[in-house]
């Protein structure tokens, strides 16, 4: 007796796939739009690093993108703000922006690091996260989530949040620049 799942009926799936291509295309386009928006937003943190370190954009980008993960990049920006940004209100606003970006990053990571389950007709029915969760007594493989109307709406909302985040970030950058070039406020 095998422990493996049954081999998919590839011929049937491929034959029926035309009927579900619209669903797959929509879902994959959402993931692509999410990645596009997320990447553009992540790169804005280069300007923050440039201002916090008082260096040129090219040098800031080299430092920023030399780090391997978004987590490491955001940690560096947060630490630099604690070390170099004396304006508490601006630092709090930056911290808030970092937290908002971390929230959308979770959804982006989930969709970029998952397996997709297909129906017999080739529709994407579920995502299976590649993340391992460990407690004191157990190990759990990643969460399985349905690809349904609720999931489509969640991704649409995340994309809308990224658009809003982008505008908020661009509004924030002049405040950060001013705070880095002005004397520290007196307590």
Protein backbone atom coordinates (compact mmCIF):
# COMPACT_ATOMS: atom_id res chain seq x y z
CA UNK A 1 0.00 0.00 0.00
CA UNK A 2 1.40 3.40 -1.00
CA UNK A 3 1.40 6.48 1.20
CA UNK A 4 1.36 8.73 -1.85
CA UNK A 5 -1.80 10.43 -3.10
CA UNK A 6 -3.18 9.14 -6.39
CA UNK A 7 -1.49 10.42 -9.51
CA UNK A 8 -3.65 13.15 -11.08
CA UNK A 9 -5.47 12.32 -14.29
CA UNK A 10 -3.51 14.83 -16.32
CA UNK A 11 -5.34 14.14 -19.58
CA UNK A 12 -8.75 14.84 -17.99
CA UNK A 13 -7.52 17.96 -16.24
CA UNK A 14 -5.97 19.32 -19.43
CA UNK A 15 -9.10 18.49 -21.44
CA UNK A 16 -11.34 20.31 -18.93
CA UNK A 17 -8.93 23.17 -18.20
CA UNK A 18 -10.42 25.50 -20.83
CA UNK A 19 -13.64 25.62 -18.79
CA UNK A 20 -11.77 26.98 -15.75
CA UNK A 21 -9.14 29.13 -17.42
CA UNK A 22 -10.96 32.36 -16.52
CA UNK A 23 -10.85 31.51 -12.79
CA UNK A 24 -7.14 30.59 -12.92
CA UNK A 25 -6.29 33.66 -14.97
CA UNK A 26 -8.13 35.96 -12.56
CA UNK A 27 -6.48 34.41 -9.50
CA UNK A 28 -2.99 34.45 -11.00
CA UNK A 29 -3.50 38.03 -12.25
CA UNK A 30 -4.42 39.06 -8.70
CA UNK A 31 -1.23 37.47 -7.41
CA UNK A 32 0.74 39.27 -10.13
CA UNK A 33 -0.85 42.63 -9.28
CA UNK A 34 -0.21 42.03 -5.60
CA UNK A 35 3.46 41.30 -6.31
CA UNK A 36 3.81 44.34 -8.57
CA UNK A 37 2.32 46.66 -5.94
CA UNK A 38 4.21 45.04 -3.08
CA UNK A 39 7.59 45.30 -4.83
CA UNK A 40 7.06 48.94 -5.71
CA UNK A 41 6.16 49.67 -2.11
CA UNK A 42 9.08 47.76 -0.64
CA UNK A 43 11.50 49.73 -2.79
CA UNK A 44 10.25 52.99 -1.21
CA UNK A 45 12.09 51.99 1.95
CA UNK A 46 15.32 52.70 0.05
CA UNK A 47 14.46 56.41 0.31
CA UNK A 48 13.90 56.02 4.04
CA UNK A 49 17.31 54.40 4.41
CA UNK A 50 18.88 57.12 2.27
CA UNK A 51 17.44 59.82 4.53
CA UNK A 52 18.15 58.00 7.80
CA UNK A 53 21.80 57.43 6.86
CA UNK A 54 22.32 60.72 5.02
CA UNK A 55 23.68 58.94 1.94
CA UNK A 56 22.88 58.90 -1.78
CA UNK A 57 20.12 56.75 -3.27
CA UNK A 58 22.51 54.35 -5.01
CA UNK A 59 24.38 53.58 -1.78
CA UNK A 60 21.12 53.15 0.12
CA UNK A 61 19.83 50.75 -2.55
CA UNK A 62 23.04 48.71 -2.43
CA UNK A 63 22.73 48.33 1.34
CA UNK A 64 19.00 47.67 1.24
CA UNK A 65 19.01 45.05 -1.49
CA UNK A 66 22.14 43.31 -0.21
CA UNK A 67 19.96 42.03 2.61
CA UNK A 68 18.27 38.77 1.59
CA UNK A 69 14.81 39.18 3.06
CA UNK A 70 12.17 41.84 3.44
CA UNK A 71 12.14 41.07 7.17
CA UNK A 72 15.86 41.92 7.47
CA UNK A 73 15.38 45.10 5.42
CA UNK A 74 12.49 46.31 7.57
CA UNK A 75 14.38 45.44 10.76
CA UNK A 76 17.31 47.54 9.56
CA UNK A 77 15.08 50.50 8.72
CA UNK A 78 13.36 50.24 12.12
CA UNK A 79 16.70 50.11 13.95
CA UNK A 80 18.10 53.02 11.96
CA UNK A 81 15.02 55.07 12.82
CA UNK A 82 15.55 54.36 16.52
CA UNK A 83 19.22 55.30 16.24
CA UNK A 84 19.04 58.31 13.93
CA UNK A 85 15.52 59.77 13.91
CA UNK A 86 15.06 62.14 16.85
CA UNK A 87 11.59 63.41 15.95
CA UNK A 88 9.33 61.07 17.93
CA UNK A 89 6.15 61.83 15.93
CA UNK A 90 7.87 61.09 12.62
CA UNK A 91 9.46 57.95 14.07
CA UNK A 92 6.02 56.74 15.23
CA UNK A 93 4.60 57.39 11.76
CA UNK A 94 7.44 55.40 10.20
CA UNK A 95 6.85 52.57 12.65
CA UNK A 96 3.18 52.56 11.69
CA UNK A 97 4.07 52.38 7.99
CA UNK A 98 6.43 49.48 8.66
CA UNK A 99 3.67 47.60 10.53
CA UNK A 100 1.18 48.18 7.70
CA UNK A 101 3.70 46.88 5.20
CA UNK A 102 4.41 43.82 7.34
CA UNK A 103 0.69 43.00 7.33
CA UNK A 104 0.41 42.98 3.53
CA UNK A 105 3.72 41.14 3.32
CA UNK A 106 2.18 38.18 5.15
CA UNK A 107 -0.48 37.77 2.46
CA UNK A 108 2.06 38.27 -0.32
CA UNK A 109 4.36 35.65 1.20
CA UNK A 110 1.49 33.22 1.69
CA UNK A 111 0.55 33.40 -2.00
CA UNK A 112 4.13 33.28 -3.25
CA UNK A 113 5.18 30.36 -1.08
CA UNK A 114 2.32 27.91 -1.39
CA UNK A 115 1.20 24.90 -3.34
CA UNK A 116 -1.98 25.11 -5.40
CA UNK A 117 -4.64 22.41 -5.39
CA UNK A 118 -6.51 21.91 -8.64
CA UNK A 119 -9.94 20.41 -9.22
CA UNK A 120 -10.49 17.72 -11.83
CA UNK A 121 -11.44 20.60 -14.16
CA UNK A 122 -8.19 22.48 -13.54
CA UNK A 123 -9.64 25.22 -11.31
CA UNK A 124 -7.46 26.36 -8.42
CA UNK A 125 -9.50 25.30 -5.40
CA UNK A 126 -7.07 25.74 -2.49
CA UNK A 127 -3.71 27.08 -1.50
CA UNK A 128 -1.53 25.12 0.90
CA UNK A 129 0.97 27.26 2.73
CA UNK A 130 4.56 25.99 2.73
CA UNK A 131 5.04 27.34 6.23
CA UNK A 132 5.67 24.99 9.13
CA UNK A 133 4.24 25.89 12.52
CA UNK A 134 5.68 24.27 15.58
CA UNK A 135 4.33 24.19 19.12
CA UNK A 136 5.84 22.56 22.17
CA UNK A 137 4.30 19.19 21.30
CA UNK A 138 3.42 19.26 17.60
CA UNK A 139 4.47 20.27 14.13
CA UNK A 140 1.83 21.49 11.69
CA UNK A 141 2.21 21.87 7.98
CA UNK A 142 0.94 25.07 6.46
CA UNK A 143 -2.64 26.15 6.43
CA UNK A 144 -4.94 25.09 3.60
CA UNK A 145 -7.24 27.87 2.42
CA UNK A 146 -10.00 27.80 -0.20
CA UNK A 147 -9.81 29.91 -3.32
CA UNK A 148 -13.33 31.31 -3.32
CA UNK A 149 -15.14 34.64 -3.52
CA UNK A 150 -14.01 35.55 0.00
CA UNK A 151 -10.38 34.90 -0.92
CA UNK A 152 -10.66 36.96 -4.12
CA UNK A 153 -12.10 39.81 -2.05
CA UNK A 154 -9.29 39.53 0.52
CA UNK A 155 -6.67 39.83 -2.22
CA UNK A 156 -8.51 42.76 -3.84
CA UNK A 157 -8.58 44.52 -0.45
CA UNK A 158 -4.86 43.87 0.04
CA UNK A 159 -4.10 45.37 -3.36
CA UNK A 160 -6.24 48.41 -2.46
CA UNK A 161 -4.35 48.67 0.85
CA UNK A 162 -1.06 48.64 -1.04
CA UNK A 163 -2.27 51.49 -3.28
CA UNK A 164 -3.30 53.49 -0.23
CA UNK A 165 -0.02 52.62 1.52
CA UNK A 166 1.91 53.93 -1.49
CA UNK A 167 0.18 57.31 -1.30
CA UNK A 168 0.66 57.49 2.47
CA UNK A 169 4.32 56.64 2.07
CA UNK A 170 4.90 59.36 -0.52
CA UNK A 171 3.18 61.85 1.82
CA UNK A 172 5.44 60.71 4.65
CA UNK A 173 8.78 61.02 2.84
CA UNK A 174 8.93 64.87 2.90
CA UNK A 175 8.18 64.78 6.65
CA UNK A 176 11.05 62.37 7.18
CA UNK A 177 13.38 64.49 5.05
CA UNK A 178 12.50 67.59 7.05
CA UNK A 179 12.93 65.74 10.36
CA UNK A 180 16.38 64.51 9.30
CA UNK A 181 17.53 67.99 8.28
CA UNK A 182 15.99 69.90 11.21
CA UNK A 183 17.40 70.10 14.71
CA UNK A 184 15.87 67.62 17.14
CA UNK A 185 12.80 68.98 18.94
CA UNK A 186 13.45 70.03 22.51
CA UNK A 187 11.77 67.97 25.21
